[in-house]
Amino acid sequence: MKYNDKEFRSVDSDDLGIENEEPKEAGEDNNEVLKFVKDALGDKVSEVIASKKLVSHPVCMTAKGGISFEMEKYFNAMQPEAGMKAQRCLELNMNHDAVKKMKELIGTDDEKAKKYAEIFYNQALLIAGLPIDDPSGYADLVSSIM
C-alpha cells in the first residue's frame, strides 16, 4: 500500500497527504465566493472549499468522512433502498477563468452566479463518476448560460 514511502490514497479523498501551497488568490474575497456557492447549493454539499490540488479544471468533488464515492456506488448497487451517500465536498479552482467569471457575477447578477454554481456542482459529479439528478435540467441550465 506504499510506493517510495508514499501511501496510496484515492484521488477522490479529501486528504491526499500532499502539501501544496495555498491557492494564489486566497483571502476574504474567496470566503465570500465559497459561502455564496455553499448557500446556492444548500445541502447538496457538506462544504465548499478553495482547492489546493486543481490546476486545469474548475472543480472537483471529494468525499469527506469514512465513505468514499466508490463505497457509495457499491452499497447503493447492493441495497438501493439504504440510500447511502458520501459527504460531498465541492472544491473550486479559484484561479480558473470560469470560477473568476462567477466571482465577478456575485453581487451584480446573483441569479446567473447561482446557475454557475449549479453547473459546477453537476460537472464535479460527472467528473467523479456520479450520476446527476436531472440530466435534462442540466442541459437546459448550460444552454441558458450560453
N, C-alpha and C. Protein backbone atom coordinates (compact mmCIF):
# COMPACT_ATOMS: atom_id res chain seq x y z
N MET A 1 0.81 -1.20 0.00
CA MET A 1 0.00 0.00 0.00
C MET A 1 0.85 1.27 0.00
N LYS A 2 2.16 1.10 -0.26
CA LYS A 2 3.05 2.26 -0.32
C LYS A 2 3.97 2.15 -1.53
N TYR A 3 4.44 3.31 -1.96
CA TYR A 3 5.44 3.39 -3.02
C TYR A 3 6.36 4.55 -2.68
N ASN A 4 7.66 4.29 -2.59
CA ASN A 4 8.64 5.32 -2.20
C ASN A 4 8.20 6.08 -0.95
N ASP A 5 7.78 5.35 0.03
CA ASP A 5 7.33 5.91 1.32
C ASP A 5 6.10 6.80 1.20
N LYS A 6 5.38 6.73 0.08
CA LYS A 6 4.13 7.47 -0.09
C LYS A 6 2.97 6.48 -0.04
N GLU A 7 2.01 6.76 0.81
CA GLU A 7 0.85 5.90 0.96
C GLU A 7 -0.11 6.09 -0.22
N PHE A 8 -0.65 4.99 -0.76
CA PHE A 8 -1.67 5.08 -1.81
C PHE A 8 -2.95 5.65 -1.22
N ARG A 9 -3.56 6.57 -1.93
CA ARG A 9 -4.83 7.17 -1.50
C ARG A 9 -5.73 7.36 -2.70
N SER A 10 -7.02 7.36 -2.45
CA SER A 10 -7.99 7.61 -3.52
C SER A 10 -7.92 9.08 -3.91
N VAL A 11 -7.95 9.34 -5.20
CA VAL A 11 -7.88 10.72 -5.68
C VAL A 11 -9.14 11.50 -5.28
N ASP A 12 -10.23 10.79 -4.98
CA ASP A 12 -11.47 11.44 -4.54
C ASP A 12 -11.46 11.77 -3.06
N SER A 13 -10.40 11.39 -2.36
CA SER A 13 -10.30 11.63 -0.93
C SER A 13 -10.10 13.11 -0.64
N ASP A 14 -10.58 13.54 0.52
CA ASP A 14 -10.40 14.94 0.89
C ASP A 14 -8.97 15.22 1.35
N ASP A 15 -8.22 14.20 1.71
CA ASP A 15 -6.84 14.39 2.14
C ASP A 15 -5.92 13.48 1.33
N LEU A 16 -5.19 14.08 0.39
CA LEU A 16 -4.28 13.30 -0.44
C LEU A 16 -2.93 13.08 0.23
N GLY A 17 -2.70 13.74 1.35
CA GLY A 17 -1.44 13.57 2.05
C GLY A 17 -0.29 14.29 1.40
N ILE A 18 -0.58 15.30 0.61
CA ILE A 18 0.47 16.10 -0.02
C ILE A 18 0.32 17.54 0.43
N GLU A 19 1.43 18.20 0.50
CA GLU A 19 1.42 19.59 0.92
C GLU A 19 1.55 20.48 -0.31
N ASN A 20 0.54 21.24 -0.59
CA ASN A 20 0.57 22.21 -1.68
C ASN A 20 0.46 23.60 -1.10
N GLU A 21 0.91 24.56 -1.86
CA GLU A 21 0.76 25.92 -1.39
C GLU A 21 -0.70 26.33 -1.51
N GLU A 22 -1.07 27.33 -0.74
CA GLU A 22 -2.43 27.83 -0.77
C GLU A 22 -2.75 28.38 -2.16
N PRO A 23 -4.03 28.37 -2.56
CA PRO A 23 -4.38 28.97 -3.84
C PRO A 23 -3.87 30.41 -3.92
N LYS A 24 -3.47 30.82 -5.10
CA LYS A 24 -2.84 32.13 -5.28
C LYS A 24 -3.70 33.28 -4.80
N GLU A 25 -5.01 33.14 -4.95
CA GLU A 25 -5.90 34.24 -4.59
C GLU A 25 -6.61 33.97 -3.26
N ALA A 26 -5.92 33.47 -2.29
CA ALA A 26 -6.54 33.17 -1.01
C ALA A 26 -6.89 34.45 -0.27
N GLY A 27 -7.89 34.37 0.59
CA GLY A 27 -8.23 35.53 1.39
C GLY A 27 -9.73 35.71 1.56
N GLU A 28 -10.11 36.86 2.09
CA GLU A 28 -11.50 37.18 2.37
C GLU A 28 -12.36 37.10 1.12
N ASP A 29 -11.82 37.54 0.00
CA ASP A 29 -12.57 37.53 -1.25
C ASP A 29 -13.05 36.12 -1.58
N ASN A 30 -12.19 35.14 -1.39
CA ASN A 30 -12.56 33.76 -1.64
C ASN A 30 -13.63 33.28 -0.67
N ASN A 31 -13.55 33.70 0.56
CA ASN A 31 -14.54 33.28 1.56
C ASN A 31 -15.95 33.67 1.14
N GLU A 32 -16.09 34.86 0.54
CA GLU A 32 -17.41 35.30 0.07
C GLU A 32 -17.91 34.39 -1.05
N VAL A 33 -17.03 34.04 -1.97
CA VAL A 33 -17.39 33.17 -3.10
C VAL A 33 -17.77 31.79 -2.59
N LEU A 34 -16.96 31.24 -1.69
CA LEU A 34 -17.22 29.91 -1.16
C LEU A 34 -18.54 29.88 -0.40
N LYS A 35 -18.82 30.90 0.37
CA LYS A 35 -20.08 30.99 1.11
C LYS A 35 -21.26 31.11 0.15
N PHE A 36 -21.10 31.93 -0.90
CA PHE A 36 -22.16 32.10 -1.89
C PHE A 36 -22.50 30.76 -2.54
N VAL A 37 -21.48 30.01 -2.96
CA VAL A 37 -21.70 28.72 -3.63
C VAL A 37 -22.35 27.74 -2.67
N LYS A 38 -21.89 27.69 -1.42
CA LYS A 38 -22.48 26.79 -0.42
C LYS A 38 -23.95 27.14 -0.22
N ASP A 39 -24.26 28.43 -0.10
CA ASP A 39 -25.65 28.85 0.08
C ASP A 39 -26.49 28.50 -1.15
N ALA A 40 -25.92 28.66 -2.34
CA ALA A 40 -26.65 28.37 -3.58
C ALA A 40 -26.95 26.88 -3.70
N LEU A 41 -26.03 26.03 -3.25
CA LEU A 41 -26.21 24.59 -3.38
C LEU A 41 -26.91 23.96 -2.19
N GLY A 42 -26.93 24.66 -1.07
CA GLY A 42 -27.62 24.15 0.11
C GLY A 42 -27.04 22.86 0.63
N ASP A 43 -27.91 21.88 0.89
CA ASP A 43 -27.44 20.63 1.48
C ASP A 43 -26.97 19.61 0.44
N LYS A 44 -26.82 20.01 -0.81
CA LYS A 44 -26.26 19.11 -1.82
C LYS A 44 -24.79 18.81 -1.51
N VAL A 45 -24.12 19.76 -0.87
CA VAL A 45 -22.72 19.59 -0.49
C VAL A 45 -22.57 19.90 0.99
N SER A 46 -21.64 19.22 1.61
CA SER A 46 -21.39 19.49 3.03
C SER A 46 -20.46 20.68 3.21
N GLU A 47 -19.66 20.95 2.15
CA GLU A 47 -18.67 22.02 2.26
C GLU A 47 -18.23 22.45 0.86
N VAL A 48 -17.86 23.71 0.73
CA VAL A 48 -17.27 24.24 -0.50
C VAL A 48 -15.94 24.88 -0.09
N ILE A 49 -14.85 24.43 -0.74
CA ILE A 49 -13.53 24.93 -0.36
C ILE A 49 -12.73 25.35 -1.59
N ALA A 50 -11.73 26.18 -1.37
CA ALA A 50 -10.77 26.52 -2.42
C ALA A 50 -9.80 25.36 -2.54
N SER A 51 -9.68 24.82 -3.75
CA SER A 51 -8.84 23.64 -3.97
C SER A 51 -7.36 23.97 -3.91
N LYS A 52 -6.61 23.03 -3.35
CA LYS A 52 -5.16 23.13 -3.33
C LYS A 52 -4.54 22.23 -4.39
N LYS A 53 -5.39 21.41 -5.05
CA LYS A 53 -4.84 20.43 -5.98
C LYS A 53 -5.23 20.65 -7.43
N LEU A 54 -6.26 21.44 -7.70
CA LEU A 54 -6.70 21.65 -9.08
C LEU A 54 -5.80 22.63 -9.80
N VAL A 55 -5.51 22.33 -11.06
CA VAL A 55 -4.68 23.22 -11.87
C VAL A 55 -5.45 23.63 -13.13
N SER A 56 -5.94 22.65 -13.89
CA SER A 56 -6.57 22.98 -15.17
C SER A 56 -8.09 22.88 -15.15
N HIS A 57 -8.67 22.17 -14.20
CA HIS A 57 -10.13 22.03 -14.11
C HIS A 57 -10.69 23.06 -13.13
N PRO A 58 -11.93 23.50 -13.35
CA PRO A 58 -12.52 24.48 -12.44
C PRO A 58 -13.00 23.87 -11.12
N VAL A 59 -13.40 22.59 -11.15
CA VAL A 59 -13.99 21.98 -9.95
C VAL A 59 -13.63 20.51 -9.83
N CYS A 60 -13.81 20.00 -8.63
CA CYS A 60 -13.80 18.56 -8.40
C CYS A 60 -14.63 18.29 -7.15
N MET A 61 -15.07 17.06 -7.03
CA MET A 61 -15.85 16.65 -5.87
C MET A 61 -15.01 15.66 -5.09
N THR A 62 -14.90 15.88 -3.80
CA THR A 62 -14.19 14.94 -2.95
C THR A 62 -15.14 14.43 -1.88
N ALA A 63 -14.83 13.26 -1.36
CA ALA A 63 -15.64 12.66 -0.31
C ALA A 63 -15.00 12.96 1.04
N LYS A 64 -15.80 13.39 1.97
CA LYS A 64 -15.33 13.63 3.33
C LYS A 64 -15.86 12.51 4.22
N GLY A 65 -15.14 12.25 5.26
CA GLY A 65 -15.59 11.23 6.19
C GLY A 65 -15.16 9.84 5.78
N GLY A 66 -15.83 8.84 6.30
CA GLY A 66 -15.41 7.46 6.11
C GLY A 66 -15.93 6.78 4.87
N ILE A 67 -16.87 7.39 4.15
CA ILE A 67 -17.46 6.73 2.98
C ILE A 67 -16.93 7.38 1.71
N SER A 68 -16.32 6.59 0.84
CA SER A 68 -15.83 7.10 -0.44
C SER A 68 -16.95 7.01 -1.47
N PHE A 69 -16.74 7.63 -2.63
CA PHE A 69 -17.73 7.55 -3.70
C PHE A 69 -17.86 6.13 -4.22
N GLU A 70 -16.75 5.40 -4.26
CA GLU A 70 -16.80 4.01 -4.71
C GLU A 70 -17.61 3.15 -3.73
N MET A 71 -17.44 3.40 -2.44
CA MET A 71 -18.24 2.68 -1.45
C MET A 71 -19.71 3.02 -1.61
N GLU A 72 -20.02 4.29 -1.86
CA GLU A 72 -21.40 4.72 -2.07
C GLU A 72 -22.02 3.98 -3.25
N LYS A 73 -21.29 3.91 -4.38
CA LYS A 73 -21.79 3.22 -5.57
C LYS A 73 -22.02 1.74 -5.28
N TYR A 74 -21.07 1.13 -4.60
CA TYR A 74 -21.18 -0.29 -4.30
C TYR A 74 -22.39 -0.59 -3.42
N PHE A 75 -22.50 0.11 -2.30
CA PHE A 75 -23.59 -0.17 -1.37
C PHE A 75 -24.95 0.17 -1.97
N ASN A 76 -25.02 1.21 -2.79
CA ASN A 76 -26.29 1.55 -3.43
C ASN A 76 -26.67 0.55 -4.51
N ALA A 77 -25.68 -0.10 -5.12
CA ALA A 77 -25.98 -1.16 -6.08
C ALA A 77 -26.50 -2.40 -5.36
N MET A 78 -25.98 -2.66 -4.16
CA MET A 78 -26.39 -3.84 -3.40
C MET A 78 -27.71 -3.61 -2.65
N GLN A 79 -27.86 -2.41 -2.07
CA GLN A 79 -29.07 -2.09 -1.30
C GLN A 79 -29.53 -0.67 -1.65
N PRO A 80 -30.21 -0.51 -2.79
CA PRO A 80 -30.61 0.83 -3.22
C PRO A 80 -31.52 1.55 -2.22
N GLU A 81 -32.30 0.79 -1.47
CA GLU A 81 -33.22 1.41 -0.51
C GLU A 81 -32.48 2.05 0.67
N ALA A 82 -31.23 1.67 0.90
CA ALA A 82 -30.46 2.24 2.01
C ALA A 82 -30.12 3.70 1.75
N GLY A 83 -29.93 4.07 0.47
CA GLY A 83 -29.63 5.47 0.14
C GLY A 83 -28.36 6.00 0.75
N MET A 84 -27.33 5.16 0.84
CA MET A 84 -26.06 5.58 1.44
C MET A 84 -25.39 6.64 0.55
N LYS A 85 -24.93 7.72 1.16
CA LYS A 85 -24.26 8.79 0.43
C LYS A 85 -23.01 9.23 1.17
N ALA A 86 -21.96 9.44 0.40
CA ALA A 86 -20.74 10.03 0.96
C ALA A 86 -20.98 11.52 1.14
N GLN A 87 -20.32 12.12 2.10
CA GLN A 87 -20.40 13.57 2.25
C GLN A 87 -19.65 14.22 1.10
N ARG A 88 -20.33 15.10 0.38
CA ARG A 88 -19.73 15.72 -0.79
C ARG A 88 -19.10 17.07 -0.43
N CYS A 89 -17.88 17.24 -0.88
CA CYS A 89 -17.17 18.50 -0.70
C CYS A 89 -16.79 19.01 -2.08
N LEU A 90 -17.32 20.16 -2.44
CA LEU A 90 -17.02 20.76 -3.74
C LEU A 90 -15.77 21.61 -3.61
N GLU A 91 -14.78 21.32 -4.45
CA GLU A 91 -13.55 22.10 -4.46
C GLU A 91 -13.53 22.97 -5.70
N LEU A 92 -13.26 24.26 -5.50
CA LEU A 92 -13.18 25.22 -6.61
C LEU A 92 -11.75 25.65 -6.86
N ASN A 93 -11.38 25.69 -8.13
CA ASN A 93 -10.09 26.22 -8.54
C ASN A 93 -10.26 27.73 -8.69
N MET A 94 -9.85 28.48 -7.69
CA MET A 94 -10.08 29.92 -7.66
C MET A 94 -9.31 30.66 -8.76
N ASN A 95 -8.38 30.00 -9.42
CA ASN A 95 -7.60 30.62 -10.49
C ASN A 95 -8.14 30.29 -11.89
N HIS A 96 -9.20 29.51 -11.96
CA HIS A 96 -9.77 29.14 -13.26
C HIS A 96 -10.67 30.26 -13.78
N ASP A 97 -10.63 30.49 -15.09
CA ASP A 97 -11.40 31.59 -15.70
C ASP A 97 -12.89 31.48 -15.43
N ALA A 98 -13.47 30.27 -15.45
CA ALA A 98 -14.89 30.11 -15.21
C ALA A 98 -15.27 30.50 -13.78
N VAL A 99 -14.42 30.14 -12.83
CA VAL A 99 -14.68 30.49 -11.42
C VAL A 99 -14.52 32.00 -11.25
N LYS A 100 -13.53 32.58 -11.91
CA LYS A 100 -13.35 34.04 -11.86
C LYS A 100 -14.57 34.76 -12.43
N LYS A 101 -15.15 34.20 -13.49
CA LYS A 101 -16.34 34.80 -14.09
C LYS A 101 -17.50 34.76 -13.11
N MET A 102 -17.69 33.63 -12.43
CA MET A 102 -18.76 33.53 -11.44
C MET A 102 -18.51 34.54 -10.31
N LYS A 103 -17.26 34.69 -9.93
CA LYS A 103 -16.89 35.62 -8.87
C LYS A 103 -17.29 37.05 -9.24
N GLU A 104 -17.10 37.41 -10.52
CA GLU A 104 -17.49 38.75 -10.99
C GLU A 104 -19.00 38.95 -10.95
N LEU A 105 -19.76 37.87 -11.15
CA LEU A 105 -21.22 37.96 -11.19
C LEU A 105 -21.84 38.12 -9.81
N ILE A 106 -21.15 37.64 -8.78
CA ILE A 106 -21.69 37.72 -7.42
C ILE A 106 -21.82 39.19 -7.03
N GLY A 107 -23.03 39.54 -6.66
CA GLY A 107 -23.32 40.92 -6.27
C GLY A 107 -23.90 41.75 -7.41
N THR A 108 -23.60 41.37 -8.65
CA THR A 108 -24.16 42.11 -9.79
C THR A 108 -25.28 41.33 -10.47
N ASP A 109 -25.13 40.01 -10.58
CA ASP A 109 -26.15 39.15 -11.19
C ASP A 109 -26.15 37.82 -10.44
N ASP A 110 -26.74 37.84 -9.25
CA ASP A 110 -26.71 36.66 -8.37
C ASP A 110 -27.40 35.45 -8.99
N GLU A 111 -28.47 35.67 -9.76
CA GLU A 111 -29.17 34.54 -10.38
C GLU A 111 -28.26 33.80 -11.36
N LYS A 112 -27.52 34.55 -12.16
CA LYS A 112 -26.59 33.92 -13.10
C LYS A 112 -25.45 33.24 -12.34
N ALA A 113 -24.98 33.86 -11.27
CA ALA A 113 -23.92 33.26 -10.46
C ALA A 113 -24.40 31.95 -9.84
N LYS A 114 -25.68 31.88 -9.44
CA LYS A 114 -26.24 30.63 -8.90
C LYS A 114 -26.28 29.55 -9.97
N LYS A 115 -26.55 29.95 -11.21
CA LYS A 115 -26.52 28.99 -12.31
C LYS A 115 -25.12 28.42 -12.48
N TYR A 116 -24.13 29.28 -12.39
CA TYR A 116 -22.73 28.82 -12.46
C TYR A 116 -22.45 27.80 -11.35
N ALA A 117 -22.89 28.11 -10.14
CA ALA A 117 -22.66 27.21 -9.01
C ALA A 117 -23.30 25.85 -9.27
N GLU A 118 -24.51 25.86 -9.81
CA GLU A 118 -25.21 24.60 -10.11
C GLU A 118 -24.50 23.82 -11.22
N ILE A 119 -24.03 24.53 -12.23
CA ILE A 119 -23.27 23.87 -13.30
C ILE A 119 -21.99 23.28 -12.75
N PHE A 120 -21.28 24.02 -11.92
CA PHE A 120 -20.04 23.50 -11.32
C PHE A 120 -20.32 22.23 -10.51
N TYR A 121 -21.41 22.25 -9.74
CA TYR A 121 -21.78 21.09 -8.93
C TYR A 121 -22.00 19.86 -9.82
N ASN A 122 -22.78 20.03 -10.88
CA ASN A 122 -23.07 18.91 -11.78
C ASN A 122 -21.82 18.44 -12.52
N GLN A 123 -20.96 19.38 -12.92
CA GLN A 123 -19.71 18.99 -13.57
C GLN A 123 -18.85 18.15 -12.61
N ALA A 124 -18.79 18.56 -11.37
CA ALA A 124 -17.99 17.84 -10.38
C ALA A 124 -18.53 16.42 -10.18
N LEU A 125 -19.87 16.29 -10.17
CA LEU A 125 -20.46 14.96 -10.05
C LEU A 125 -20.06 14.08 -11.23
N LEU A 126 -20.18 14.65 -12.43
CA LEU A 126 -19.84 13.88 -13.63
C LEU A 126 -18.37 13.47 -13.63
N ILE A 127 -17.49 14.38 -13.25
CA ILE A 127 -16.06 14.08 -13.21
C ILE A 127 -15.77 12.96 -12.20
N ALA A 128 -16.51 12.96 -11.08
CA ALA A 128 -16.32 11.94 -10.05
C ALA A 128 -16.99 10.62 -10.42
N GLY A 129 -17.70 10.58 -11.56
CA GLY A 129 -18.37 9.35 -11.98
C GLY A 129 -19.68 9.11 -11.27
N LEU A 130 -20.27 10.17 -10.74
CA LEU A 130 -21.53 10.07 -10.02
C LEU A 130 -22.66 10.56 -10.92
N PRO A 131 -23.86 10.02 -10.73
CA PRO A 131 -24.99 10.47 -11.56
C PRO A 131 -25.47 11.87 -11.14
N ILE A 132 -25.97 12.62 -12.12
CA ILE A 132 -26.58 13.91 -11.79
C ILE A 132 -28.08 13.69 -11.65
N ASP A 133 -28.72 14.50 -10.82
CA ASP A 133 -30.14 14.31 -10.51
C ASP A 133 -31.04 14.51 -11.73
N ASP A 134 -30.76 15.53 -12.52
CA ASP A 134 -31.64 15.90 -13.62
C ASP A 134 -30.82 16.24 -14.86
N PRO A 135 -30.47 15.23 -15.68
CA PRO A 135 -29.65 15.50 -16.86
C PRO A 135 -30.28 16.51 -17.82
N SER A 136 -31.58 16.44 -18.02
CA SER A 136 -32.28 17.38 -18.90
C SER A 136 -32.20 18.80 -18.34
N GLY A 137 -32.39 18.92 -17.04
CA GLY A 137 -32.30 20.24 -16.39
C GLY A 137 -30.89 20.80 -16.48
N TYR A 138 -29.89 19.92 -16.38
CA TYR A 138 -28.51 20.34 -16.51
C TYR A 138 -28.24 20.88 -17.92
N ALA A 139 -28.74 20.15 -18.92
CA ALA A 139 -28.56 20.60 -20.31
C ALA A 139 -29.23 21.95 -20.52
N ASP A 140 -30.43 22.14 -19.97
CA ASP A 140 -31.13 23.42 -20.09
C ASP A 140 -30.36 24.53 -19.39
N LEU A 141 -29.78 24.21 -18.24
CA LEU A 141 -29.02 25.19 -17.48
C LEU A 141 -27.79 25.65 -18.26
N VAL A 142 -27.07 24.72 -18.85
CA VAL A 142 -25.90 25.06 -19.65
C VAL A 142 -26.32 25.92 -20.85
N SER A 143 -27.42 25.53 -21.49
CA SER A 143 -27.91 26.30 -22.64
C SER A 143 -28.32 27.71 -22.25
N SER A 144 -28.86 27.87 -21.05
CA SER A 144 -29.30 29.20 -20.62
C SER A 144 -28.11 30.14 -20.39
N ILE A 145 -26.94 29.61 -20.11
CA ILE A 145 -25.74 30.41 -19.88
C ILE A 145 -25.09 30.81 -21.20
N MET A 146 -25.24 29.94 -22.21
CA MET A 146 -24.57 30.17 -23.49
C MET A 146 -25.12 31.38 -24.25
